[in-house]
């Protein structure tokens, strides 16, 4: 397993601070803290990266596909200039480390735009603080406004004019606010116009541009609301909108005129076929979720597949992608990744079960070589160069999203943490040897969405870990065995 020099990873990632342990100790005894004594203490990244974390957006420089940008749910923006072998965090000095969208200007690849605040409104999403631009390929960044949008899900840069940019703001799922919808700038972010707005509950679920006509854009406006115990997806304000003039005028499509599903709709995934832009796909959340296809550029739609193989859990992922050289090859990314070779009529699994992590949110397909694809999911990133036959897992992105952390009483002490969709892990806080911390020093002691974990204070060989839905297990680090101890109830 690859050695990671965590000291070289800049900024505040998912770290355990010695300071945190001291604070908890002082607070537990009710003592006053003199914070001036701690000003010289600096955080150190102890990893790990072997389970990684959620990747939300990916873009690649077309004329140099070894240059990859990857946005994460709460770990900032990363860049590779070696086709995914070595990575550097390039966004750590900015105000928000949740990335919703990243886009490279292919006309001038030194220009990179980033929208903060991820667009997958799960209950633990992190908000953002506007849109940023780099003019030097990510070396430095400038905040370009839209701070109140909270979460930005899509960015489209005009292919011929890098000063014209469209921002798809999904907004916060937790409350009403007007800073949602589609924003446009024609002066590289100096000024913005909100060119599509519905109401305070409805933001951009997807936004795509016709590859043959940059004035033509399709947008899914998605009404949704998250509450502490519920999530409402869809409603009368949701819909599919089209502009033919760069956003000056919009037309809402309907069941009667355009063939969309009747009743309220929700989130959609949209995709043009690059080699045949008259072919457009839309996976639509409705009373009966289904995949629709258009043969006239999105003016009229026909339902072609309403089976479960099109995707699931639209609140978290509902995206489709078309092979840029074959309009009949279609990828649906959701819990799994399915591929269709017949224009969406049927799908089969692309990736063997348990080969790489599930819950997928981003897919990049190289427009010149569709065999080269990059997949982002809750477990990090994987790269294929043979159209999905084999995958390389990127094991040096320290992006784990820890819900809770704890320590034991050993010397050196061990750190324990529950991670979003990556189980419960433990590893040393430091070592006595010069090489420092390695990925393989960390290992799993629980599964699922890891939450609280507690080591036995007298014997750290044993402990207790929690996961979603109230599941609790007792683990034995020496043997690797675990036992389910969730309390039962007479009332199911």
Protein backbone atom coordinates (compact mmCIF):
# COMPACT_ATOMS: atom_id res chain seq x y z
CA UNK A 1 0.00 0.00 0.00
CA UNK A 2 1.25 3.44 -0.87
CA UNK A 3 2.92 5.50 1.85
CA UNK A 4 1.26 8.86 2.46
CA UNK A 5 3.25 11.77 3.81
CA UNK A 6 0.43 13.38 5.72
CA UNK A 7 2.61 16.28 6.82
CA UNK A 8 2.58 17.45 3.21
CA UNK A 9 -1.20 17.61 3.03
CA UNK A 10 -1.97 21.25 3.74
CA UNK A 11 -4.93 22.75 5.52
CA UNK A 12 -7.68 21.53 7.72
CA UNK A 13 -8.81 18.14 6.43
CA UNK A 14 -10.44 15.45 8.54
CA UNK A 15 -7.96 15.70 11.39
CA UNK A 16 -7.73 14.87 15.05
CA UNK A 17 -6.27 17.74 17.02
CA UNK A 18 -4.33 17.22 20.17
CA UNK A 19 -5.96 20.49 21.13
CA UNK A 20 -9.39 18.84 21.00
CA UNK A 21 -8.34 16.21 23.50
CA UNK A 22 -7.00 18.90 25.81
CA UNK A 23 -10.18 20.94 25.53
CA UNK A 24 -12.34 17.96 26.42
CA UNK A 25 -10.14 17.19 29.41
CA UNK A 26 -10.29 20.73 30.74
CA UNK A 27 -14.02 21.07 30.15
CA UNK A 28 -14.78 17.78 31.85
CA UNK A 29 -13.32 19.17 35.05
CA UNK A 30 -14.96 22.57 34.69
CA UNK A 31 -11.63 24.44 34.51
CA UNK A 32 -11.04 27.75 32.81
CA UNK A 33 -8.96 27.55 29.63
CA UNK A 34 -6.23 30.05 28.84
CA UNK A 35 -6.34 29.84 25.05
CA UNK A 36 -3.24 32.00 24.70
CA UNK A 37 -1.20 29.02 25.89
CA UNK A 38 -2.33 27.10 22.82
CA UNK A 39 -1.63 29.64 20.10
CA UNK A 40 1.54 27.87 19.06
CA UNK A 41 -0.20 24.52 18.62
CA UNK A 42 -0.76 23.54 15.01
CA UNK A 43 -3.05 20.83 13.61
CA UNK A 44 -1.41 17.86 11.96
CA UNK A 45 -3.11 15.58 9.49
CA UNK A 46 -3.09 11.97 10.63
CA UNK A 47 -5.23 10.69 7.75
CA UNK A 48 -6.16 8.13 6.79
CA UNK A 49 -6.77 7.89 3.03
CA UNK A 50 -7.34 4.18 2.49
CA UNK A 51 -11.12 4.60 2.67
CA UNK A 52 -11.21 8.14 1.20
CA UNK A 53 -14.56 9.99 1.07
CA UNK A 54 -17.28 11.48 -1.12
CA UNK A 55 -16.27 12.96 -4.48
CA UNK A 56 -18.91 15.32 -5.85
CA UNK A 57 -17.51 16.77 -9.08
CA UNK A 58 -14.76 15.99 -11.60
CA UNK A 59 -13.31 17.82 -14.58
CA UNK A 60 -10.27 17.18 -16.77
CA UNK A 61 -8.20 19.28 -19.15
CA UNK A 62 -9.14 17.95 -22.56
CA UNK A 63 -5.85 18.62 -24.34
CA UNK A 64 -3.90 17.17 -21.39
CA UNK A 65 -6.09 14.51 -19.74
CA UNK A 66 -3.45 13.78 -17.11
CA UNK A 67 -4.59 16.98 -15.37
CA UNK A 68 -7.59 16.15 -13.19
CA UNK A 69 -9.58 18.30 -10.77
CA UNK A 70 -11.69 16.55 -8.12
CA UNK A 71 -14.11 18.28 -5.76
CA UNK A 72 -15.10 16.65 -2.49
CA UNK A 73 -18.04 16.92 -0.14
CA UNK A 74 -16.07 18.47 2.71
CA UNK A 75 -12.37 18.07 1.87
CA UNK A 76 -11.84 20.82 -0.68
CA UNK A 77 -10.57 20.65 -4.25
CA UNK A 78 -7.71 18.38 -5.31
CA UNK A 79 -5.55 18.39 -8.44
CA UNK A 80 -3.48 15.72 -10.14
CA UNK A 81 -1.05 16.32 -12.99
CA UNK A 82 -0.14 12.65 -13.28
CA UNK A 83 -3.39 11.01 -14.31
CA UNK A 84 -4.48 10.35 -10.73
CA UNK A 85 -1.22 9.03 -9.23
CA UNK A 86 -0.16 12.05 -7.16
CA UNK A 87 -2.55 14.64 -5.73
CA UNK A 88 -2.36 18.05 -4.10
CA UNK A 89 -5.07 19.95 -2.21
CA UNK A 90 -5.35 23.34 -3.90
CA UNK A 91 -8.30 25.00 -2.15
CA UNK A 92 -7.47 24.82 1.55
CA UNK A 93 -6.99 28.54 2.13
CA UNK A 94 -10.53 29.48 1.12
CA UNK A 95 -13.60 29.89 3.29
CA UNK A 96 -15.46 26.74 2.29
CA UNK A 97 -14.18 23.20 1.75
CA UNK A 98 -17.41 21.71 0.44
CA UNK A 99 -17.29 21.57 -3.36
CA UNK A 100 -20.46 21.31 -5.41
CA UNK A 101 -19.07 21.83 -8.92
CA UNK A 102 -15.76 22.32 -10.71
CA UNK A 103 -15.37 23.33 -14.36
CA UNK A 104 -12.30 23.94 -16.53
CA UNK A 105 -12.41 26.39 -19.42
CA UNK A 106 -11.22 24.15 -22.22
CA UNK A 107 -10.49 27.20 -24.38
CA UNK A 108 -8.06 28.40 -21.70
CA UNK A 109 -7.39 25.62 -19.15
CA UNK A 110 -5.72 28.05 -16.75
CA UNK A 111 -9.24 29.31 -15.99
CA UNK A 112 -11.01 27.08 -13.46
CA UNK A 113 -14.32 27.77 -11.72
CA UNK A 114 -15.46 26.20 -8.45
CA UNK A 115 -18.89 26.34 -6.85
CA UNK A 116 -18.93 25.65 -3.13
CA UNK A 117 -21.55 23.72 -1.17
CA UNK A 118 -22.27 20.24 -2.48
CA UNK A 119 -25.47 19.59 -4.42
CA UNK A 120 -26.41 16.22 -2.89
CA UNK A 121 -28.83 17.25 -0.13
CA UNK A 122 -28.32 14.42 2.32
CA UNK A 123 -28.85 15.13 6.00
CA UNK A 124 -25.14 15.71 6.61
CA UNK A 125 -24.29 17.93 3.65
CA UNK A 126 -22.00 20.91 4.17
CA UNK A 127 -22.89 24.38 2.92
CA UNK A 128 -20.68 26.63 0.84
CA UNK A 129 -19.78 30.27 0.39
CA UNK A 130 -20.15 31.32 -3.21
CA UNK A 131 -18.26 30.73 -6.43
CA UNK A 132 -14.51 31.02 -6.96
CA UNK A 133 -12.29 31.49 -10.00
CA UNK A 134 -8.65 30.70 -10.65
CA UNK A 135 -6.66 32.23 -13.51
CA UNK A 136 -3.54 30.16 -12.87
CA UNK A 137 -4.81 26.57 -12.94
CA UNK A 138 -5.65 26.47 -9.25
CA UNK A 139 -2.55 28.11 -7.76
CA UNK A 140 -4.61 31.04 -6.45
CA UNK A 141 -8.34 31.72 -6.12
CA UNK A 142 -10.63 34.72 -6.06
CA UNK A 143 -14.13 34.79 -4.59
CA UNK A 144 -16.48 35.91 -7.36
CA UNK A 145 -19.71 36.37 -5.42
CA UNK A 146 -22.98 34.45 -4.98
CA UNK A 147 -22.14 33.84 -1.31
CA UNK A 148 -25.80 33.42 -0.31
CA UNK A 149 -26.54 30.59 -2.74
CA UNK A 150 -25.25 28.18 -0.07
CA UNK A 151 -24.97 25.17 -2.41
CA UNK A 152 -23.94 25.23 -6.09
CA UNK A 153 -24.61 22.07 -8.07
CA UNK A 154 -23.59 22.90 -11.66
CA UNK A 155 -21.22 25.20 -13.56
CA UNK A 156 -21.14 25.58 -17.34
CA UNK A 157 -18.50 27.71 -19.05
CA UNK A 158 -19.35 28.94 -22.52
CA UNK A 159 -17.13 26.93 -24.89
CA UNK A 160 -16.18 29.95 -27.01
CA UNK A 161 -16.25 32.74 -24.42
CA UNK A 162 -14.62 32.02 -21.02
CA UNK A 163 -16.12 35.25 -19.65
CA UNK A 164 -19.63 33.80 -19.97
CA UNK A 165 -20.45 31.35 -17.19
CA UNK A 166 -23.69 29.77 -15.98
CA UNK A 167 -24.10 28.79 -12.32
CA UNK A 168 -26.77 26.32 -11.20
CA UNK A 169 -27.56 27.06 -7.55
CA UNK A 170 -29.48 24.32 -5.81
CA UNK A 171 -29.58 26.31 -2.57
CA UNK A 172 -29.90 25.07 0.98
CA UNK A 173 -32.37 22.22 1.55
CA UNK A 174 -33.03 23.35 5.13
CA UNK A 175 -35.03 26.53 4.57
CA UNK A 176 -36.50 29.10 2.21
CA UNK A 177 -34.23 31.65 0.53
CA UNK A 178 -34.33 33.41 -2.84
CA UNK A 179 -30.70 32.84 -3.87
CA UNK A 180 -31.46 29.79 -6.02
CA UNK A 181 -31.79 29.04 -9.70
CA UNK A 182 -29.59 29.87 -12.67
CA UNK A 183 -27.14 32.77 -12.59
CA UNK A 184 -25.21 34.11 -15.58
CA UNK A 185 -22.21 36.36 -15.98
CA UNK A 186 -20.83 37.77 -19.23
CA UNK A 187 -17.96 39.67 -17.59
CA UNK A 188 -16.11 36.82 -15.87
CA UNK A 189 -17.95 37.15 -12.58
CA UNK A 190 -17.85 40.90 -12.01
CA UNK A 191 -21.64 40.98 -12.21
CA UNK A 192 -24.30 38.28 -12.08
CA UNK A 193 -27.87 38.08 -13.32
CA UNK A 194 -30.36 35.58 -11.91
CA UNK A 195 -31.83 34.42 -15.22
CA UNK A 196 -34.07 31.59 -13.96
CA UNK A 197 -35.86 31.71 -10.62
CA UNK A 198 -39.01 29.88 -9.52
CA UNK A 199 -39.46 30.28 -5.76
CA UNK A 200 -37.62 30.05 -2.46
CA UNK A 201 -37.84 26.25 -2.25
CA UNK A 202 -36.75 25.36 -5.80
CA UNK A 203 -33.17 25.13 -7.03
CA UNK A 204 -31.18 23.58 -9.86
CA UNK A 205 -31.23 19.78 -9.86
CA UNK A 206 -29.34 19.55 -13.17
CA UNK A 207 -28.23 21.82 -15.99
CA UNK A 208 -26.78 20.83 -19.39
CA UNK A 209 -25.82 22.72 -22.55
CA UNK A 210 -26.41 21.56 -26.11
CA UNK A 211 -22.91 20.71 -27.42
CA UNK A 212 -23.85 22.05 -30.85
CA UNK A 213 -25.56 25.26 -29.64
CA UNK A 214 -24.25 27.03 -26.50
CA UNK A 215 -27.34 29.24 -26.37
CA UNK A 216 -29.53 26.19 -25.76
CA UNK A 217 -29.66 24.97 -22.17
CA UNK A 218 -31.88 22.49 -20.36
CA UNK A 219 -32.43 22.95 -16.62
CA UNK A 220 -34.22 20.84 -14.04
CA UNK A 221 -35.64 23.06 -11.31
CA UNK A 222 -36.18 20.90 -8.22
CA UNK A 223 -38.45 21.71 -5.30
CA UNK A 224 -37.20 19.97 -2.18
CA UNK A 225 -37.00 20.42 1.56
CA UNK A 226 -35.05 18.64 4.27
CA UNK A 227 -36.22 18.57 7.87
CA UNK A 228 -34.64 16.83 10.87
CA UNK A 229 -36.59 13.61 10.30
CA UNK A 230 -38.03 13.94 6.80
CA UNK A 231 -37.10 14.78 3.24
CA UNK A 232 -39.63 16.00 0.68
CA UNK A 233 -38.55 15.69 -2.93
CA UNK A 234 -40.59 17.16 -5.75
CA UNK A 235 -43.64 19.35 -5.95
CA UNK A 236 -45.59 21.71 -8.20
CA UNK A 237 -42.64 24.09 -8.55
CA UNK A 238 -40.36 21.43 -10.03
CA UNK A 239 -40.01 21.14 -13.77
CA UNK A 240 -37.89 21.00 -16.91
CA UNK A 241 -37.01 24.32 -18.55
CA UNK A 242 -35.40 25.14 -21.90
CA UNK A 243 -33.82 28.30 -23.25
CA UNK A 244 -32.78 28.87 -26.86
CA UNK A 245 -31.24 32.32 -26.36
CA UNK A 246 -28.74 31.95 -23.52
CA UNK A 247 -31.27 32.44 -20.75
CA UNK A 248 -33.21 35.50 -21.89
CA UNK A 249 -36.38 33.43 -22.29
CA UNK A 250 -37.38 30.08 -20.81
CA UNK A 251 -40.10 27.58 -21.63
CA UNK A 252 -41.39 25.13 -19.05
CA UNK A 253 -42.10 21.77 -20.61
CA UNK A 254 -45.24 19.83 -19.74
CA UNK A 255 -46.94 16.46 -19.99
CA UNK A 256 -49.52 17.72 -22.48
CA UNK A 257 -47.20 19.46 -24.94
CA UNK A 258 -43.90 17.65 -24.51
CA UNK A 259 -44.60 14.15 -23.20
CA UNK A 260 -43.21 14.51 -19.67
CA UNK A 261 -44.81 12.54 -16.81
CA UNK A 262 -48.07 13.84 -15.39
CA UNK A 263 -48.33 15.23 -11.89
CA UNK A 264 -45.58 16.60 -9.69
CA UNK A 265 -42.01 15.78 -10.62
CA UNK A 266 -38.76 16.06 -8.68
CA UNK A 267 -35.08 15.67 -9.43
CA UNK A 268 -33.88 14.90 -12.96
CA UNK A 269 -30.66 13.82 -14.60
CA UNK A 270 -30.15 15.29 -18.08
CA UNK A 271 -27.70 14.46 -20.87
CA UNK A 272 -27.17 15.42 -24.52
CA UNK A 273 -25.48 12.97 -26.88
CA UNK A 274 -22.37 14.82 -28.09
CA UNK A 275 -22.19 13.04 -31.43
CA UNK A 276 -25.92 13.46 -32.04
CA UNK A 277 -27.32 16.43 -30.05
CA UNK A 278 -30.86 15.74 -31.22
CA UNK A 279 -30.71 12.73 -28.87
CA UNK A 280 -31.33 13.83 -25.28
CA UNK A 281 -31.98 11.75 -22.17
CA UNK A 282 -33.80 12.62 -18.97
CA UNK A 283 -34.16 10.41 -15.92
CA UNK A 284 -37.12 11.85 -14.03
CA UNK A 285 -38.33 11.46 -10.46
CA UNK A 286 -42.13 11.30 -10.51
CA UNK A 287 -44.95 9.16 -9.18
CA UNK A 288 -43.33 6.45 -11.30
CA UNK A 289 -39.65 7.16 -11.84
CA UNK A 290 -38.63 6.60 -15.45
CA UNK A 291 -36.09 7.29 -18.17
CA UNK A 292 -37.26 9.48 -21.05
CA UNK A 293 -35.66 10.08 -24.45
CA UNK A 294 -35.98 12.85 -27.01
CA UNK A 295 -35.07 12.61 -30.68
CA UNK A 296 -35.57 16.30 -31.46
CA UNK A 297 -33.26 18.05 -29.03
CA UNK A 298 -35.51 17.94 -25.99
CA UNK A 299 -38.73 19.30 -27.47
CA UNK A 300 -40.67 16.06 -27.21
CA UNK A 301 -40.11 13.10 -24.89
CA UNK A 302 -40.97 9.41 -24.87
CA UNK A 303 -40.80 7.16 -21.83
CA UNK A 304 -38.51 4.25 -22.67
CA UNK A 305 -37.73 2.56 -19.33
CA UNK A 306 -39.49 2.56 -15.97
CA UNK A 307 -37.72 -0.44 -14.43
CA UNK A 308 -35.58 -0.28 -11.30
CA UNK A 309 -32.35 -0.63 -13.28
CA UNK A 310 -32.47 3.05 -14.28
CA UNK A 311 -31.46 4.19 -10.77
CA UNK A 312 -32.66 4.77 -7.24
CA UNK A 313 -32.58 7.27 -4.33
CA UNK A 314 -33.08 10.40 -6.47
CA UNK A 315 -32.63 12.71 -3.49
CA UNK A 316 -28.98 11.64 -3.33
CA UNK A 317 -28.11 10.79 -6.94
CA UNK A 318 -30.03 10.80 -10.21
CA UNK A 319 -27.51 11.36 -13.00
CA UNK A 320 -26.99 9.97 -16.49
CA UNK A 321 -24.14 10.31 -18.97
CA UNK A 322 -23.88 9.49 -22.68
CA UNK A 323 -20.84 8.06 -24.40
CA UNK A 324 -19.60 11.04 -26.49
CA UNK A 325 -19.08 8.82 -29.54
CA UNK A 326 -22.11 6.54 -29.24
CA UNK A 327 -25.56 8.00 -28.53
CA UNK A 328 -26.91 4.55 -27.63
CA UNK A 329 -24.42 3.89 -24.83
CA UNK A 330 -25.78 5.43 -21.66
CA UNK A 331 -24.48 5.31 -18.08
CA UNK A 332 -26.71 5.67 -15.03
CA UNK A 333 -24.84 6.33 -11.80
CA UNK A 334 -26.64 5.74 -8.51
CA UNK A 335 -26.00 3.16 -5.78
CA UNK A 336 -24.34 1.16 -8.56
CA UNK A 337 -23.24 2.02 -12.10
CA UNK A 338 -25.37 0.58 -14.91
CA UNK A 339 -24.77 0.81 -18.63
CA UNK A 340 -27.17 0.61 -21.56
CA UNK A 341 -26.13 -0.29 -25.10
CA UNK A 342 -29.58 0.15 -26.63
CA UNK A 343 -30.41 3.76 -25.91
CA UNK A 344 -31.73 3.17 -22.41
CA UNK A 345 -34.21 0.39 -23.10
CA UNK A 346 -32.27 -1.99 -20.85
CA UNK A 347 -29.33 -1.73 -18.45
CA UNK A 348 -26.74 -4.09 -17.04
CA UNK A 349 -24.28 -3.64 -14.21
CA UNK A 350 -20.95 -2.13 -15.26
CA UNK A 351 -18.94 -2.85 -12.12
CA UNK A 352 -18.64 -6.17 -10.34
CA UNK A 353 -20.17 -6.11 -6.87
CA UNK A 354 -17.76 -5.10 -4.07
CA UNK A 355 -15.06 -4.17 -6.59
CA UNK A 356 -15.22 -0.46 -5.74
CA UNK A 357 -17.36 1.64 -3.43
CA UNK A 358 -21.06 2.29 -4.06
CA UNK A 359 -23.15 5.49 -4.04
CA UNK A 360 -21.92 7.38 -7.10
CA UNK A 361 -22.17 11.12 -7.71
CA UNK A 362 -19.85 12.10 -10.56
CA UNK A 363 -18.65 10.57 -13.81
CA UNK A 364 -16.18 12.03 -16.28
CA UNK A 365 -15.99 10.48 -19.77
CA UNK A 366 -13.11 11.61 -21.95
CA UNK A 367 -14.66 13.12 -25.12
CA UNK A 368 -11.80 11.86 -27.31
CA UNK A 369 -11.33 8.45 -25.70
CA UNK A 370 -14.53 7.20 -24.02
CA UNK A 371 -12.65 4.22 -22.58
CA UNK A 372 -11.08 6.66 -20.13
CA UNK A 373 -13.56 7.41 -17.33
CA UNK A 374 -13.30 8.73 -13.77
CA UNK A 375 -15.92 7.85 -11.19
CA UNK A 376 -16.56 9.69 -7.94
CA UNK A 377 -18.54 8.17 -5.09
CA UNK A 378 -18.92 8.00 -1.31
CA UNK A 379 -15.70 6.00 -1.11
CA UNK A 380 -13.55 8.36 -3.19
CA UNK A 381 -12.45 8.04 -6.80
CA UNK A 382 -11.75 5.26 -9.28
CA UNK A 383 -10.27 5.48 -12.78
CA UNK A 384 -10.73 3.14 -15.73
CA UNK A 385 -8.97 3.25 -19.10
CA UNK A 386 -10.73 0.24 -20.61
CA UNK A 387 -14.39 1.30 -20.35
CA UNK A 388 -14.96 -0.23 -16.93
CA UNK A 389 -13.32 -3.63 -17.26
CA UNK A 390 -10.70 -2.70 -14.66
CA UNK A 391 -10.51 0.16 -12.16
CA UNK A 392 -7.74 1.91 -10.27
CA UNK A 393 -8.79 3.09 -6.82
CA UNK A 394 -7.18 6.38 -5.80
CA UNK A 395 -5.86 5.61 -2.32
CA UNK A 396 -4.15 8.88 -1.48
CA UNK A 397 -7.08 11.28 -1.03
CA UNK A 398 -7.57 11.87 2.70
CA UNK A 399 -11.25 12.79 2.52
CA UNK A 400 -12.92 10.67 5.19
CA UNK A 401 -15.94 12.42 6.70
CA UNK A 402 -15.83 11.68 10.41
CA UNK A 403 -19.09 11.96 12.32
CA UNK A 404 -17.40 11.38 15.69
CA UNK A 405 -13.89 10.66 16.97
CA UNK A 406 -12.59 9.11 20.17
CA UNK A 407 -9.31 7.88 21.68
CA UNK A 408 -8.19 5.08 23.99
CA UNK A 409 -5.76 4.95 26.91
CA UNK A 410 -2.85 3.27 25.15
CA UNK A 411 0.62 4.76 24.65
CA UNK A 412 0.83 5.81 21.86
CA UNK A 413 -2.92 6.31 21.99
CA UNK A 414 -5.14 5.15 19.13
CA UNK A 415 -7.75 7.21 17.36
CA UNK A 416 -11.23 5.87 16.55
CA UNK A 417 -13.82 7.36 14.25
CA UNK A 418 -17.09 6.69 12.47
CA UNK A 419 -17.20 7.78 8.84
CA UNK A 420 -19.99 8.60 6.42
CA UNK A 421 -20.67 5.37 4.50
CA UNK A 422 -17.20 4.05 5.26
CA UNK A 423 -17.62 2.22 8.54
CA UNK A 424 -15.60 2.67 11.71
CA UNK A 425 -11.80 2.86 11.61
CA UNK A 426 -8.99 2.94 14.11
CA UNK A 427 -5.29 3.74 13.90
CA UNK A 428 -2.44 5.29 15.88
CA UNK A 429 -2.27 9.01 16.54
CA UNK A 430 1.51 8.87 16.12
CA UNK A 431 4.32 6.32 15.92
CA UNK A 432 7.80 5.92 17.34
CA UNK A 433 9.36 5.22 13.94
CA UNK A 434 10.70 7.78 11.49
CA UNK A 435 8.45 6.85 8.55
CA UNK A 436 5.42 8.22 10.35
CA UNK A 437 1.84 7.19 9.68
CA UNK A 438 0.88 4.90 6.84
CA UNK A 439 -2.48 4.02 5.36
CA UNK A 440 -2.19 0.39 6.39
CA UNK A 441 -1.89 1.34 10.06
CA UNK A 442 -5.61 2.07 9.89
CA UNK A 443 -8.18 -0.70 9.65
CA UNK A 444 -11.93 -1.16 9.92
CA UNK A 445 -13.63 -2.36 13.09
CA UNK A 446 -17.22 -1.68 12.02
CA UNK A 447 -19.32 -1.23 8.91
CA UNK A 448 -22.11 0.92 7.49
CA UNK A 449 -22.28 4.61 8.24
CA UNK A 450 -19.97 4.79 11.22
CA UNK A 451 -21.05 7.04 14.08
CA UNK A 452 -20.00 6.83 17.74
CA UNK A 453 -17.24 4.46 18.79
CA UNK A 454 -15.83 3.80 22.24
CA UNK A 455 -12.87 1.66 23.28
CA UNK A 456 -12.94 -0.24 26.55
CA UNK A 457 -10.98 2.07 28.89
CA UNK A 458 -9.28 -0.88 30.60
CA UNK A 459 -8.52 -3.02 27.55
CA UNK A 460 -8.58 -1.34 24.12
CA UNK A 461 -8.67 -4.73 22.45
CA UNK A 462 -12.44 -4.49 22.85
CA UNK A 463 -14.89 -1.71 22.16
CA UNK A 464 -18.27 -0.66 20.79
CA UNK A 465 -19.18 0.93 17.46
CA UNK A 466 -22.46 2.36 16.21
CA UNK A 467 -23.89 2.66 12.70
CA UNK A 468 -27.08 3.87 11.07
CA UNK A 469 -30.55 2.88 12.32
CA UNK A 470 -29.33 2.37 15.86
CA UNK A 471 -27.11 -0.63 15.15
CA UNK A 472 -24.44 -1.29 17.78
CA UNK A 473 -21.66 -3.87 17.72
CA UNK A 474 -18.96 -5.08 20.10
CA UNK A 475 -15.62 -5.65 18.37
CA UNK A 476 -12.44 -7.53 19.14
CA UNK A 477 -9.44 -5.90 17.45
CA UNK A 478 -7.20 -8.92 17.99
CA UNK A 479 -9.39 -11.51 16.29
CA UNK A 480 -11.31 -9.14 14.01
CA UNK A 481 -14.62 -10.58 15.16
CA UNK A 482 -17.66 -8.51 16.04
CA UNK A 483 -21.02 -9.18 17.64
CA UNK A 484 -24.28 -7.36 17.07
CA UNK A 485 -25.67 -6.07 20.38
CA UNK A 486 -28.44 -3.69 19.26
CA UNK A 487 -31.25 -3.82 21.83
CA UNK A 488 -34.42 -5.51 20.62
CA UNK A 489 -38.00 -4.51 21.22
CA UNK A 490 -41.27 -6.40 21.50
CA UNK A 491 -42.82 -3.70 19.31
CA UNK A 492 -41.24 -3.91 15.82
